[in-house]
Amino acid sequence: MELVKGLCPIGVPVIASAYFDIFDGLLQAYVFVFLTSLYMAEAIEDEEQH
């Protein structure tokens, strides 16, 4: 981001920052939901076996 700010100080860094912030948030949400669903599926499977 510092390179982008140095090359184009007006406009582009705001757009790039917003894009990466949204992408990062969506990626974290996806990973959290995916891992939670795996954990819950494993817990349900273990409960059914006992």
PDB file of N, CA and C in Angstrom:
ATOM      1  N   MET A   1       0.818  -1.190   0.000  1.00  0.00           N
ATOM      2  CA  MET A   1       0.000   0.000   0.000  1.00  0.00           C
ATOM      3  C   MET A   1       0.864   1.258   0.000  1.00  0.00           C
ATOM      4  N   GLU A   2       2.000   1.199   0.661  1.00  0.00           N
ATOM      5  CA  GLU A   2       2.875   2.375   0.666  1.00  0.00           C
ATOM      6  C   GLU A   2       3.375   2.682  -0.743  1.00  0.00           C
ATOM      7  N   LEU A   3       3.633   1.652  -1.534  1.00  0.00           N
ATOM      8  CA  LEU A   3       4.063   1.855  -2.914  1.00  0.00           C
ATOM      9  C   LEU A   3       2.958   2.519  -3.723  1.00  0.00           C
ATOM     10  N   VAL A   4       1.723   2.074  -3.546  1.00  0.00           N
ATOM     11  CA  VAL A   4       0.592   2.677  -4.256  1.00  0.00           C
ATOM     12  C   VAL A   4       0.414   4.127  -3.821  1.00  0.00           C
ATOM     13  N   LYS A   5       0.555   4.392  -2.530  1.00  0.00           N
ATOM     14  CA  LYS A   5       0.420   5.769  -2.036  1.00  0.00           C
ATOM     15  C   LYS A   5       1.520   6.661  -2.598  1.00  0.00           C
ATOM     16  N   GLY A   6       2.716   6.102  -2.785  1.00  0.00           N
ATOM     17  CA  GLY A   6       3.812   6.889  -3.329  1.00  0.00           C
ATOM     18  C   GLY A   6       3.644   7.189  -4.803  1.00  0.00           C
ATOM     19  N   LEU A   7       3.092   6.247  -5.549  1.00  0.00           N
ATOM     20  CA  LEU A   7       2.937   6.438  -6.989  1.00  0.00           C
ATOM     21  C   LEU A   7       1.719   7.301  -7.338  1.00  0.00           C
ATOM     22  N   CYS A   8       0.621   7.064  -6.679  1.00  0.00           N
ATOM     23  CA  CYS A   8      -0.626   7.791  -6.954  1.00  0.00           C
ATOM     24  C   CYS A   8      -1.208   8.266  -5.631  1.00  0.00           C
ATOM     25  N   PRO A   9      -0.812   9.428  -5.161  1.00  0.00           N
ATOM     26  CA  PRO A   9      -1.226   9.852  -3.818  1.00  0.00           C
ATOM     27  C   PRO A   9      -2.695  10.210  -3.664  1.00  0.00           C
ATOM     28  N   ILE A  10      -3.425  10.418  -4.771  1.00  0.00           N
ATOM     29  CA  ILE A  10      -4.820  10.857  -4.665  1.00  0.00           C
ATOM     30  C   ILE A  10      -5.738   9.832  -5.341  1.00  0.00           C
ATOM     31  N   GLY A  11      -6.745   9.367  -4.614  1.00  0.00           N
ATOM     32  CA  GLY A  11      -7.790   8.537  -5.211  1.00  0.00           C
ATOM     33  C   GLY A  11      -7.531   7.051  -5.162  1.00  0.00           C
ATOM     34  N   VAL A  12      -6.474   6.605  -5.817  1.00  0.00           N
ATOM     35  CA  VAL A  12      -6.217   5.173  -5.945  1.00  0.00           C
ATOM     36  C   VAL A  12      -5.995   4.494  -4.586  1.00  0.00           C
ATOM     37  N   PRO A  13      -5.218   5.074  -3.674  1.00  0.00           N
ATOM     38  CA  PRO A  13      -5.035   4.395  -2.379  1.00  0.00           C
ATOM     39  C   PRO A  13      -6.339   4.192  -1.613  1.00  0.00           C
ATOM     40  N   VAL A  14      -7.265   5.127  -1.728  1.00  0.00           N
ATOM     41  CA  VAL A  14      -8.548   4.988  -1.032  1.00  0.00           C
ATOM     42  C   VAL A  14      -9.314   3.804  -1.593  1.00  0.00           C
ATOM     43  N   ILE A  15      -9.364   3.689  -2.902  1.00  0.00           N
ATOM     44  CA  ILE A  15     -10.074   2.591  -3.556  1.00  0.00           C
ATOM     45  C   ILE A  15      -9.393   1.262  -3.244  1.00  0.00           C
ATOM     46  N   ALA A  16      -8.076   1.205  -3.358  1.00  0.00           N
ATOM     47  CA  ALA A  16      -7.340  -0.028  -3.085  1.00  0.00           C
ATOM     48  C   ALA A  16      -7.480  -0.430  -1.625  1.00  0.00           C
ATOM     49  N   SER A  17      -7.415   0.520  -0.730  1.00  0.00           N
ATOM     50  CA  SER A  17      -7.543   0.223   0.695  1.00  0.00           C
ATOM     51  C   SER A  17      -8.929  -0.332   0.999  1.00  0.00           C
ATOM     52  N   ALA A  18      -9.960   0.274   0.455  1.00  0.00           N
ATOM     53  CA  ALA A  18     -11.328  -0.207   0.671  1.00  0.00           C
ATOM     54  C   ALA A  18     -11.484  -1.617   0.112  1.00  0.00           C
ATOM     55  N   TYR A  19     -10.930  -1.860  -1.086  1.00  0.00           N
ATOM     56  CA  TYR A  19     -11.024  -3.184  -1.702  1.00  0.00           C
ATOM     57  C   TYR A  19     -10.353  -4.234  -0.833  1.00  0.00           C
ATOM     58  N   PHE A  20      -9.127  -3.958  -0.372  1.00  0.00           N
ATOM     59  CA  PHE A  20      -8.406  -4.945   0.421  1.00  0.00           C
ATOM     60  C   PHE A  20      -9.033  -5.138   1.797  1.00  0.00           C
ATOM     61  N   ASP A  21      -9.593  -4.085   2.379  1.00  0.00           N
ATOM     62  CA  ASP A  21     -10.271  -4.221   3.665  1.00  0.00           C
ATOM     63  C   ASP A  21     -11.501  -5.111   3.534  1.00  0.00           C
ATOM     64  N   ILE A  22     -12.279  -4.897   2.484  1.00  0.00           N
ATOM     65  CA  ILE A  22     -13.471  -5.723   2.262  1.00  0.00           C
ATOM     66  C   ILE A  22     -13.067  -7.156   1.962  1.00  0.00           C
ATOM     67  N   PHE A  23     -12.066  -7.347   1.101  1.00  0.00           N
ATOM     68  CA  PHE A  23     -11.603  -8.690   0.754  1.00  0.00           C
ATOM     69  C   PHE A  23     -11.097  -9.417   1.987  1.00  0.00           C
ATOM     70  N   ASP A  24     -10.335  -8.734   2.822  1.00  0.00           N
ATOM     71  CA  ASP A  24      -9.791  -9.340   4.027  1.00  0.00           C
ATOM     72  C   ASP A  24     -10.922  -9.751   4.981  1.00  0.00           C
ATOM     73  N   GLY A  25     -11.897  -8.891   5.146  1.00  0.00           N
ATOM     74  CA  GLY A  25     -13.032  -9.210   6.014  1.00  0.00           C
ATOM     75  C   GLY A  25     -13.826 -10.397   5.511  1.00  0.00           C
ATOM     76  N   LEU A  26     -14.080 -10.429   4.212  1.00  0.00           N
ATOM     77  CA  LEU A  26     -14.819 -11.557   3.638  1.00  0.00           C
ATOM     78  C   LEU A  26     -14.030 -12.860   3.752  1.00  0.00           C
ATOM     79  N   LEU A  27     -12.732 -12.788   3.541  1.00  0.00           N
ATOM     80  CA  LEU A  27     -11.900 -13.975   3.656  1.00  0.00           C
ATOM     81  C   LEU A  27     -11.894 -14.500   5.085  1.00  0.00           C
ATOM     82  N   GLN A  28     -11.765 -13.610   6.056  1.00  0.00           N
ATOM     83  CA  GLN A  28     -11.789 -14.030   7.457  1.00  0.00           C
ATOM     84  C   GLN A  28     -13.138 -14.624   7.828  1.00  0.00           C
ATOM     85  N   ALA A  29     -14.223 -14.029   7.362  1.00  0.00           N
ATOM     86  CA  ALA A  29     -15.553 -14.549   7.642  1.00  0.00           C
ATOM     87  C   ALA A  29     -15.728 -15.939   7.034  1.00  0.00           C
ATOM     88  N   TYR A  30     -15.255 -16.130   5.800  1.00  0.00           N
ATOM     89  CA  TYR A  30     -15.374 -17.422   5.141  1.00  0.00           C
ATOM     90  C   TYR A  30     -14.600 -18.497   5.911  1.00  0.00           C
ATOM     91  N   VAL A  31     -13.380 -18.194   6.297  1.00  0.00           N
ATOM     92  CA  VAL A  31     -12.562 -19.163   7.036  1.00  0.00           C
ATOM     93  C   VAL A  31     -13.206 -19.483   8.377  1.00  0.00           C
ATOM     94  N   PHE A  32     -13.711 -18.484   9.081  1.00  0.00           N
ATOM     95  CA  PHE A  32     -14.345 -18.700  10.374  1.00  0.00           C
ATOM     96  C   PHE A  32     -15.566 -19.607  10.232  1.00  0.00           C
ATOM     97  N   VAL A  33     -16.427 -19.337   9.253  1.00  0.00           N
ATOM     98  CA  VAL A  33     -17.624 -20.155   9.043  1.00  0.00           C
ATOM     99  C   VAL A  33     -17.232 -21.572   8.629  1.00  0.00           C
ATOM    100  N   PHE A  34     -16.246 -21.698   7.765  1.00  0.00           N
ATOM    101  CA  PHE A  34     -15.807 -23.016   7.301  1.00  0.00           C
ATOM    102  C   PHE A  34     -15.264 -23.858   8.448  1.00  0.00           C
ATOM    103  N   LEU A  35     -14.388 -23.280   9.257  1.00  0.00           N
ATOM    104  CA  LEU A  35     -13.815 -24.028  10.372  1.00  0.00           C
ATOM    105  C   LEU A  35     -14.867 -24.355  11.433  1.00  0.00           C
ATOM    106  N   THR A  36     -15.782 -23.427  11.669  1.00  0.00           N
ATOM    107  CA  THR A  36     -16.854 -23.689  12.630  1.00  0.00           C
ATOM    108  C   THR A  36     -17.741 -24.826  12.160  1.00  0.00           C
ATOM    109  N   SER A  37     -18.075 -24.841  10.873  1.00  0.00           N
ATOM    110  CA  SER A  37     -18.922 -25.917  10.352  1.00  0.00           C
ATOM    111  C   SER A  37     -18.207 -27.261  10.414  1.00  0.00           C
ATOM    112  N   LEU A  38     -16.903 -27.281  10.156  1.00  0.00           N
ATOM    113  CA  LEU A  38     -16.154 -28.530  10.283  1.00  0.00           C
ATOM    114  C   LEU A  38     -16.152 -29.025  11.723  1.00  0.00           C
ATOM    115  N   TYR A  39     -15.940 -28.116  12.671  1.00  0.00           N
ATOM    116  CA  TYR A  39     -15.930 -28.480  14.082  1.00  0.00           C
ATOM    117  C   TYR A  39     -17.291 -29.010  14.512  1.00  0.00           C
ATOM    118  N   MET A  40     -18.358 -28.341  14.093  1.00  0.00           N
ATOM    119  CA  MET A  40     -19.701 -28.774  14.481  1.00  0.00           C
ATOM    120  C   MET A  40     -20.050 -30.117  13.860  1.00  0.00           C
ATOM    121  N   ALA A  41     -19.674 -30.328  12.608  1.00  0.00           N
ATOM    122  CA  ALA A  41     -19.947 -31.609  11.953  1.00  0.00           C
ATOM    123  C   ALA A  41     -19.214 -32.741  12.660  1.00  0.00           C
ATOM    124  N   GLU A  42     -17.974 -32.485  13.045  1.00  0.00           N
ATOM    125  CA  GLU A  42     -17.207 -33.503  13.763  1.00  0.00           C
ATOM    126  C   GLU A  42     -17.809 -33.773  15.136  1.00  0.00           C
ATOM    127  N   ALA A  43     -18.259 -32.723  15.826  1.00  0.00           N
ATOM    128  CA  ALA A  43     -18.871 -32.898  17.141  1.00  0.00           C
ATOM    129  C   ALA A  43     -20.176 -33.691  17.040  1.00  0.00           C
ATOM    130  N   ILE A  44     -20.983 -33.400  16.035  1.00  0.00           N
ATOM    131  CA  ILE A  44     -22.240 -34.135  15.841  1.00  0.00           C
ATOM    132  C   ILE A  44     -21.959 -35.590  15.499  1.00  0.00           C
ATOM    133  N   GLU A  45     -20.963 -35.811  14.655  1.00  0.00           N
ATOM    134  CA  GLU A  45     -20.598 -37.176  14.276  1.00  0.00           C
ATOM    135  C   GLU A  45     -20.120 -37.966  15.492  1.00  0.00           C
ATOM    136  N   ASP A  46     -19.303 -37.351  16.337  1.00  0.00           N
ATOM    137  CA  ASP A  46     -18.811 -38.020  17.542  1.00  0.00           C
ATOM    138  C   ASP A  46     -19.953 -38.310  18.514  1.00  0.00           C
ATOM    139  N   GLU A  47     -20.918 -37.378  18.601  1.00  0.00           N
ATOM    140  CA  GLU A  47     -22.051 -37.564  19.510  1.00  0.00           C
ATOM    141  C   GLU A  47     -22.939 -38.714  19.037  1.00  0.00           C
ATOM    142  N   GLU A  48     -23.093 -38.873  17.728  1.00  0.00           N
ATOM    143  CA  GLU A  48     -23.913 -39.952  17.192  1.00  0.00           C
ATOM    144  C   GLU A  48     -23.284 -41.318  17.436  1.00  0.00           C
ATOM    145  N   GLN A  49     -21.968 -41.369  17.505  1.00  0.00           N
ATOM    146  CA  GLN A  49     -21.279 -42.646  17.706  1.00  0.00           C
ATOM    147  C   GLN A  49     -21.364 -43.100  19.145  1.00  0.00           C
ATOM    148  N   HIS A  50     -21.590 -42.193  20.093  1.00  0.00           N
ATOM    149  CA  HIS A  50     -21.631 -42.570  21.501  1.00  0.00           C
ATOM    150  C   HIS A  50     -23.015 -42.812  21.964  1.00  0.00           C
TER     151      HIS A  50
END
